[in-house]
Structures are given as C-alpha cells and as structure tokens.
C-alpha cells in the first residue's frame, strides 16, 4: 500500500495508529491540539452545542472518532479532509 492511498477506511486507521506509535512528537502535537480544540470549543460555542459534540482528548478516543468519520463517509457523497472540512 502506497503512502496516502488506502483501499479501505480500516487501512487509513491502521496507518494512523502505526504512525502515532512511531512518531511521539506527532502524538504529542495531536494531543495538544485536541486539548486546545476542546478548551476553545468550551469557551466559544454555545453550551448545548459544546455538550452535543465529541471532544476526544486521548489517542484512543481520537482513533475511535476517526473511525466513525470514515464509517459515516462511506454512506455520504462527501469526503472528510484532514482539516475537518468536507470536500466534494
């Protein structure tokens, strides 16, 4: 499998898990980013909206959410991009 070319959502998830296991700096940055997103969301979003959203703050929670995004993607015509937006 070439880097970035995944035959299934599970391939992408496996690749992410492997990369996070090898690249501790990436993991540290990811966790800091997740924490900052949750903090910003709590401060800037309406209380009900903040509570309705998932806010992963650990590697395990992030992988679980990442998996759900790929599963939802298989039933829609839009594809999630790495920055969280959806591409057509």
Protein backbone atom coordinates (compact mmCIF):
# COMPACT_ATOMS: atom_id res chain seq x y z
CA UNK A 1 0.00 0.00 0.00
CA UNK A 2 1.41 3.37 -1.04
CA UNK A 3 1.55 6.18 1.50
CA UNK A 4 -1.75 8.05 1.37
CA UNK A 5 -3.52 5.50 -0.85
CA UNK A 6 -5.90 3.49 1.27
CA UNK A 7 -8.10 0.71 -0.03
CA UNK A 8 -10.41 0.94 2.97
CA UNK A 9 -11.13 3.11 5.97
CA UNK A 10 -9.51 0.42 8.13
CA UNK A 11 -6.26 0.81 6.14
CA UNK A 12 -6.27 4.55 6.91
CA UNK A 13 -6.95 3.91 10.58
CA UNK A 14 -4.23 1.26 10.80
CA UNK A 15 -1.79 3.64 9.14
CA UNK A 16 -2.65 6.42 11.59
CA UNK A 17 -2.26 4.10 14.60
CA UNK A 18 1.11 2.90 13.30
CA UNK A 19 2.33 6.44 12.65
CA UNK A 20 1.24 7.70 16.06
CA UNK A 21 3.00 4.74 17.66
CA UNK A 22 6.26 5.59 15.91
CA UNK A 23 6.15 9.38 15.93
CA UNK A 24 5.89 10.53 19.55
CA UNK A 25 6.26 14.18 18.54
CA UNK A 26 3.22 13.85 16.26
CA UNK A 27 1.27 12.19 19.08
CA UNK A 28 2.24 14.97 21.50
CA UNK A 29 1.15 17.63 18.97
CA UNK A 30 -2.10 15.78 18.26
CA UNK A 31 -2.97 15.56 21.96
CA UNK A 32 -2.14 19.25 22.49
CA UNK A 33 -4.32 20.14 19.50
CA UNK A 34 -7.23 18.04 20.80
CA UNK A 35 -6.95 19.68 24.22
CA UNK A 36 -6.83 23.16 22.70
CA UNK A 37 -9.85 22.40 20.48
CA UNK A 38 -11.87 21.30 23.49
CA UNK A 39 -10.83 24.36 25.50
CA UNK A 40 -11.65 26.73 22.62
CA UNK A 41 -14.94 24.97 21.95
CA UNK A 42 -15.99 25.25 25.56
CA UNK A 43 -15.19 28.95 25.57
CA UNK A 44 -16.58 29.88 22.14
CA UNK A 45 -19.55 27.57 21.48
CA UNK A 46 -22.99 27.62 22.97
CA UNK A 47 -23.24 25.29 25.94
CA UNK A 48 -25.73 22.86 24.30
CA UNK A 49 -23.67 22.63 21.11
CA UNK A 50 -20.46 22.02 23.04
CA UNK A 51 -22.10 19.22 25.03
CA UNK A 52 -23.57 17.65 21.86
CA UNK A 53 -20.15 17.27 20.20
CA UNK A 54 -17.47 14.68 20.85
CA UNK A 55 -14.24 16.13 22.25
CA UNK A 56 -11.57 13.40 22.19
CA UNK A 57 -8.58 14.19 24.39
CA UNK A 58 -6.66 10.91 24.17
CA UNK A 59 -5.15 8.88 21.36
CA UNK A 60 -7.71 6.09 21.89
CA UNK A 61 -10.69 8.50 21.82
CA UNK A 62 -9.31 10.19 18.68
CA UNK A 63 -8.87 6.89 16.83
CA UNK A 64 -12.43 5.91 17.76
CA UNK A 65 -13.80 9.21 16.41
CA UNK A 66 -11.59 8.97 13.30
CA UNK A 67 -13.04 5.53 12.65
CA UNK A 68 -16.61 6.88 12.97
CA UNK A 69 -15.89 9.68 10.48
CA UNK A 70 -14.68 7.14 7.93
CA UNK A 71 -17.72 4.93 8.55
CA UNK A 72 -20.10 7.87 8.06
CA UNK A 73 -18.17 8.88 4.95
CA UNK A 74 -18.97 5.58 3.26
CA UNK A 75 -22.68 6.50 3.35
CA UNK A 76 -22.36 10.07 2.04
CA UNK A 77 -21.28 11.72 -1.18
CA UNK A 78 -18.80 13.99 0.62
CA UNK A 79 -15.37 13.04 1.85
CA UNK A 80 -13.77 14.43 5.04
CA UNK A 81 -10.41 16.09 4.58
CA UNK A 82 -7.63 16.23 7.12
CA UNK A 83 -8.57 19.74 8.24
CA UNK A 84 -12.09 18.66 9.20
CA UNK A 85 -13.86 20.24 6.23
CA UNK A 86 -15.68 18.21 3.64
CA UNK A 87 -14.63 18.06 0.01
CA UNK A 88 -16.97 17.29 -2.85
